[in-house]
Amino acid sequence: MSEIVKIGKRYTIVIPKDFRQKLGLKEGQLSEIRLEEGKIIITPKVSDPFRRLSELIGDVVYNEETEKRAEKWLLGEAQSR
């Protein structure tokens, strides 16, 4: 998926609507921006980690597998910050 966009005043770029909808982006949401091999990479940050965790594991049933999945996700979130 790609689209050509124009760089505006103060070097702003509008993220196309289809991209925003597909990613579930909201105005004011935090995102990480980094430079990799001459490319700008923008990664949206999870605005509600508890909702995202619920999406990943579904209904919470506490057992060893659920605990491992939650721990893996939480470690990934901590490392990305």
C-alpha atoms as a PDB file:
ATOM      1  CA  MET A   1       0.000   0.000   0.000  1.00  0.00           C
ATOM      2  CA  SER A   2       1.492   3.346  -0.972  1.00  0.00           C
ATOM      3  CA  GLU A   3       0.412   6.837  -1.904  1.00  0.00           C
ATOM      4  CA  ILE A   4       2.150  10.044  -2.989  1.00  0.00           C
ATOM      5  CA  VAL A   5       1.735  12.924  -0.513  1.00  0.00           C
ATOM      6  CA  LYS A   6       2.930  16.536  -0.539  1.00  0.00           C
ATOM      7  CA  ILE A   7       5.162  17.983   2.150  1.00  0.00           C
ATOM      8  CA  GLY A   8       3.427  21.086   3.478  1.00  0.00           C
ATOM      9  CA  LYS A   9       4.383  24.130   5.510  1.00  0.00           C
ATOM     10  CA  ARG A  10       6.628  23.337   8.442  1.00  0.00           C
ATOM     11  CA  TYR A  11       7.324  20.003   6.689  1.00  0.00           C
ATOM     12  CA  THR A  12       3.976  18.470   7.653  1.00  0.00           C
ATOM     13  CA  ILE A  13       2.645  15.391   5.909  1.00  0.00           C
ATOM     14  CA  VAL A  14      -1.033  14.405   5.966  1.00  0.00           C
ATOM     15  CA  ILE A  15      -1.504  10.668   6.444  1.00  0.00           C
ATOM     16  CA  PRO A  16      -4.083   9.532   3.867  1.00  0.00           C
ATOM     17  CA  LYS A  17      -7.519   8.608   5.204  1.00  0.00           C
ATOM     18  CA  ASP A  18      -7.285   4.944   4.127  1.00  0.00           C
ATOM     19  CA  PHE A  19      -4.024   4.588   6.072  1.00  0.00           C
ATOM     20  CA  ARG A  20      -5.495   6.273   9.173  1.00  0.00           C
ATOM     21  CA  GLN A  21      -8.558   4.057   9.121  1.00  0.00           C
ATOM     22  CA  LYS A  22      -6.614   0.847   8.520  1.00  0.00           C
ATOM     23  CA  LEU A  23      -4.288   1.643  11.440  1.00  0.00           C
ATOM     24  CA  GLY A  24      -7.024   3.019  13.710  1.00  0.00           C
ATOM     25  CA  LEU A  25      -5.124   6.287  14.180  1.00  0.00           C
ATOM     26  CA  LYS A  26      -6.649   9.063  16.258  1.00  0.00           C
ATOM     27  CA  GLU A  27      -5.780  12.758  16.317  1.00  0.00           C
ATOM     28  CA  GLY A  28      -3.272  13.453  19.084  1.00  0.00           C
ATOM     29  CA  GLN A  29      -2.118   9.820  19.270  1.00  0.00           C
ATOM     30  CA  LEU A  30       1.571   9.363  20.027  1.00  0.00           C
ATOM     31  CA  SER A  31       3.788   7.830  17.343  1.00  0.00           C
ATOM     32  CA  GLU A  32       7.450   6.922  17.088  1.00  0.00           C
ATOM     33  CA  ILE A  33       9.419   8.294  14.128  1.00  0.00           C
ATOM     34  CA  ARG A  34      12.844   7.001  13.158  1.00  0.00           C
ATOM     35  CA  LEU A  35      15.236   7.022  10.243  1.00  0.00           C
ATOM     36  CA  GLU A  36      16.274   3.645   8.785  1.00  0.00           C
ATOM     37  CA  GLU A  37      18.438   3.253   5.705  1.00  0.00           C
ATOM     38  CA  GLY A  38      17.301   6.575   4.237  1.00  0.00           C
ATOM     39  CA  LYS A  39      13.613   5.963   4.983  1.00  0.00           C
ATOM     40  CA  ILE A  40      11.317   7.582   7.542  1.00  0.00           C
ATOM     41  CA  ILE A  41       9.479   4.966   9.595  1.00  0.00           C
ATOM     42  CA  ILE A  42       6.445   6.067  11.628  1.00  0.00           C
ATOM     43  CA  THR A  43       5.059   3.600  14.167  1.00  0.00           C
ATOM     44  CA  PRO A  44       1.807   4.417  15.992  1.00  0.00           C
ATOM     45  CA  LYS A  45       1.964   3.807  19.730  1.00  0.00           C
ATOM     46  CA  VAL A  46      -0.878   1.981  21.455  1.00  0.00           C
ATOM     47  CA  SER A  47      -3.141   4.557  23.071  1.00  0.00           C
ATOM     48  CA  ASP A  48      -4.917   2.078  25.364  1.00  0.00           C
ATOM     49  CA  PRO A  49      -2.602  -0.822  26.208  1.00  0.00           C
ATOM     50  CA  PHE A  50      -5.300  -2.639  28.203  1.00  0.00           C
ATOM     51  CA  ARG A  51      -7.676  -2.634  25.228  1.00  0.00           C
ATOM     52  CA  ARG A  52      -4.873  -3.821  22.943  1.00  0.00           C
ATOM     53  CA  LEU A  53      -3.989  -6.577  25.391  1.00  0.00           C
ATOM     54  CA  SER A  54      -7.638  -7.638  25.427  1.00  0.00           C
ATOM     55  CA  GLU A  55      -7.635  -7.733  21.605  1.00  0.00           C
ATOM     56  CA  LEU A  56      -4.530  -9.934  21.644  1.00  0.00           C
ATOM     57  CA  ILE A  57      -5.619 -12.454  24.253  1.00  0.00           C
ATOM     58  CA  GLY A  58      -9.419 -12.214  24.094  1.00  0.00           C
ATOM     59  CA  ASP A  59     -11.400 -12.974  27.226  1.00  0.00           C
ATOM     60  CA  VAL A  60      -9.025 -13.241  30.135  1.00  0.00           C
ATOM     61  CA  VAL A  61      -8.763 -16.775  31.414  1.00  0.00           C
ATOM     62  CA  TYR A  62      -5.895 -16.912  33.847  1.00  0.00           C
ATOM     63  CA  ASN A  63      -3.674 -19.879  33.141  1.00  0.00           C
ATOM     64  CA  GLU A  64      -0.027 -20.464  32.319  1.00  0.00           C
ATOM     65  CA  GLU A  65      -0.455 -19.850  28.561  1.00  0.00           C
ATOM     66  CA  THR A  66      -2.363 -16.587  29.119  1.00  0.00           C
ATOM     67  CA  GLU A  67       0.312 -15.420  31.525  1.00  0.00           C
ATOM     68  CA  LYS A  68       3.092 -16.170  28.988  1.00  0.00           C
ATOM     69  CA  ARG A  69       1.259 -14.331  26.182  1.00  0.00           C
ATOM     70  CA  ALA A  70       0.626 -11.295  28.393  1.00  0.00           C
ATOM     71  CA  GLU A  71       4.242 -11.257  29.568  1.00  0.00           C
ATOM     72  CA  LYS A  72       5.542 -11.463  25.983  1.00  0.00           C
ATOM     73  CA  TRP A  73       3.329  -8.569  24.889  1.00  0.00           C
ATOM     74  CA  LEU A  74       4.212  -6.412  27.903  1.00  0.00           C
ATOM     75  CA  LEU A  75       7.939  -7.014  27.377  1.00  0.00           C
ATOM     76  CA  GLY A  76       7.560  -5.985  23.731  1.00  0.00           C
ATOM     77  CA  GLU A  77       5.802  -2.781  24.779  1.00  0.00           C
ATOM     78  CA  ALA A  78       8.469  -1.971  27.364  1.00  0.00           C
ATOM     79  CA  GLN A  79      11.286  -2.524  24.857  1.00  0.00           C
ATOM     80  CA  SER A  80       9.632  -0.306  22.234  1.00  0.00           C
ATOM     81  CA  ARG A  81       9.654   2.710  24.538  1.00  0.00           C
END
